[in-house]
Amino acid sequence: MTNRIVAAMLAAFAFALLPGRAPAQSAGGGEPAAQLFAAGDFAAAAAAYERALTSNPRDADAQLGLGRIRLYENDLANAEPLLRAAANADPANRGAAALLEELQRRHAEAAKPVSLAGASTDVPFVTADPLPVVHATIDGKSGAFVIDTGGTVDLEPAFAQALGLKVTSHAVGTFAGGKQAAVGSSSAASIALGGASTSDVVVDVLPLGLSKMFGMPIDGVIGTTLFERFLVTIDYPHARLVIRKRGAEQSQAFIDAARDAYATIVPCWLVGDHYVFARASVNDAPSGLFLFDSGLAGGGLLPSPALISAAKLQIDLAKTSTGQGGGGATAVVPFVAGTIAVDDAEQQNVPGIYTPEGTPFAAFPFTAWGLISDLYLRHYAYTVDFDAMRLVLSPA
């Protein structure tokens, strides 16, 4: 059990980018916009905030709320004036400042150079079990890296030292089981995956301890902050990454082709710098927002306590074992979810993992039902299109 069930939520939860709950009230008819936002109904919340701004264009709560949602939608052009207006109305508002910082990060990322040999490049998995691993080259040094869309680019300290990277700052990250660990920050001059390359990549440095689990040297993790520079598919059925150039034209062609192939295509939201959310449902519970994080080895679902109740998940604490997360050893309890459905992409009898010592979902300023991961996703070619802001699940 210990070797197969590993709560490998490797990404540090960046609390500075996830500031507090939404304001308690906002003007406008019907249910208050902030309540809709907190419930994870972003479309209804956006409409309510827009009504509030029609009534009072200087409503700072509505500016902040709508700006936050537009940022989640990666609509930077409409997010920026709203967030700046909210920050100007209340210069001490740390939430507005954090959201503006993330907006500027996304502008900066979009301006960084990328290179691609041909229309696309395939990067074969070295292994797919317990999670996909690929070879990548960072600053001229090759290494083996776990694919984890719940992560940034995370390096083992020994690998970072071999590159001569200078760790310039430290923060505290929160991982599986609510465990915390120090995370250093640095920057890599270049990263290459197959025929794709890019430069000036922020990296985190922390001891991940994954080599024993994989039975091979693992030098780190690559995740969403790298993938957002491209149009990337994690093609589980064909054991490969497919990397394409990102852009409006490429996005339209990809979405059209996915639709023609009867793929499941749903809206998604980018929260902070690497948390991708989309709506899904488990068993007979109402649909809600789930974090799509591919890095949960041995599981397809990590539930919140609320989801356990709503979905009537059977958790037997007598089956508690020990797993390894980014913050160290943590208690894990295996269970099985009867169904997980993302629109019409449904899988049955999906193994899940519960971490009784805590979950990280309270860090988000809205209700997160849980996390959908590897043992669900590996039935599909899984793509997040950061231009269309669509999550695409293509069956084998």
Foldseek 3Di string as FASTA:
>chain_A
DQLFFFQALAAFDDLLQFDAAQDPAADADDDGLSVCVQAFVLVVSLVRLVRRCVVPVLGLSSLLSNLQSCVQLVVLVSNVVSLVSSCVVPVVPSNSVSNVVLSVVVVVLLPFDKFFDPQKFKFFFPDPPLHTWTWKAFLRRIFIAGEKLSHAWEFEPVVCVVNVWDFDDWDWGAKPLRFIDIKTKTWTQKMDGGRMMTGTGIYIYAHQPCCVSVVHDHGTYHHDLVLLQFWWWCFLVRRIIMTGGADPVVVVVVVVVLVVLVWDKFFWTARRRRWIWTWKDFAPADIHIATEIARRGNFFWEFDPVLCVRNVWDWDCVQWDWHAYNNGIFIKTKGWTQWMGDDPLIDGRTIHIYGVSDDDQVSHNHDHGTYGYNSSLSQFGWTQRSVSNMIIGRGD
